[in-house]
Structure formats: structure tokens, C-alpha cells
Protein backbone atom coordinates (compact mmCIF):
# COMPACT_ATOMS: atom_id res chain seq x y z
CA MET A 1 -38.21 -10.82 -17.58
CA LYS A 2 -35.14 -8.69 -16.95
CA VAL A 3 -35.63 -4.96 -16.49
CA ILE A 4 -33.37 -2.94 -18.80
CA GLU A 5 -31.85 0.28 -17.56
CA ASN A 6 -31.90 3.45 -19.69
CA SER A 7 -28.14 3.24 -20.26
CA GLU A 8 -28.53 -0.26 -21.71
CA LEU A 9 -31.31 0.78 -24.10
CA SER A 10 -28.92 2.79 -26.29
CA LYS A 11 -26.77 -0.32 -26.83
CA ILE A 12 -29.58 -2.40 -28.34
CA ILE A 13 -29.00 -3.12 -32.03
CA GLY A 14 -31.57 -4.89 -34.16
CA GLY A 15 -33.64 -4.91 -37.27
CA THR A 16 -32.62 -4.37 -40.83
CA THR A 17 -32.51 -1.37 -43.09
CA ILE A 18 -34.14 -3.29 -45.93
CA THR A 19 -37.82 -2.43 -45.93
CA ALA A 20 -40.68 -3.52 -48.14
CA THR A 21 -40.48 -0.19 -49.96
CA VAL A 22 -36.84 -0.77 -50.89
CA ILE A 23 -37.58 -4.30 -52.13
CA ASN A 24 -40.60 -3.08 -54.10
CA SER A 25 -38.56 -0.33 -55.76
CA PHE A 26 -35.82 -2.81 -56.67
CA VAL A 27 -38.39 -5.16 -58.25
CA ASN A 28 -39.93 -2.28 -60.20
CA VAL A 29 -36.52 -1.29 -61.59
CA ILE A 30 -35.94 -4.88 -62.70
CA LYS A 31 -39.36 -4.94 -64.43
CA ILE A 32 -38.60 -1.68 -66.25
CA LEU A 33 -35.20 -2.95 -67.41
CA LYS A 34 -36.86 -6.14 -68.65
CA GLU A 35 -39.44 -4.16 -70.65
CA VAL A 36 -36.69 -1.96 -72.14
CA GLY A 37 -34.80 -5.10 -73.17
CA TYR A 38 -37.85 -6.56 -74.87
CA SER A 39 -38.53 -3.30 -76.73
CA LEU A 40 -34.93 -2.86 -77.78
CA GLY A 41 -34.68 -6.48 -78.94
CA SER A 42 -37.92 -6.20 -80.86
CA GLY A 43 -36.72 -3.00 -82.54
CA ILE A 44 -33.40 -4.59 -83.53
CA ARG A 45 -35.20 -7.66 -84.90
CA ARG A 46 -37.64 -5.55 -86.93
CA ILE A 47 -34.82 -3.44 -88.37
CA SER A 48 -32.77 -6.51 -89.31
CA GLU A 49 -35.78 -8.19 -90.96
CA ASN A 50 -36.72 -4.92 -92.73
CA ASN A 51 -40.17 -5.12 -91.17
CA ILE A 52 -40.60 -1.47 -90.25
CA CYS A 53 -43.87 0.46 -90.56
CA PRO A 54 -43.64 3.32 -93.04
CA LEU A 55 -43.85 6.85 -91.65
CA ASP A 56 -45.93 8.15 -94.59
């Protein structure tokens, strides 16, 4: 194994900035947007079919 000098250590580049936390947050945002779409679509369908619960 080659010994790396201290001056060479600062030149090492590696890894990614995408972590599991970032991926998990992105998936959660997609799930929330999906739920909003289902709710909005259901509301539009119920309004168009005049199938709304009365407020009284």
C-alpha cells in the first residue's frame, strides 16, 4: 500500500452529497403530493357528481 503524504490528502475527492436523509425527504414529498392529488381529485369528482355531505 502506498503511503500518502499530508499534501496529497487535501486533493482526494470522493463520495456523494446525496445521503439517505435527502432521498427519504424526496420520497416523503412525493408521497405528500400524491395524497394531495388523490384528495383534490376526489373533491372535484364529488362536486361534479353533486355528492357532497350537507353542512347542517
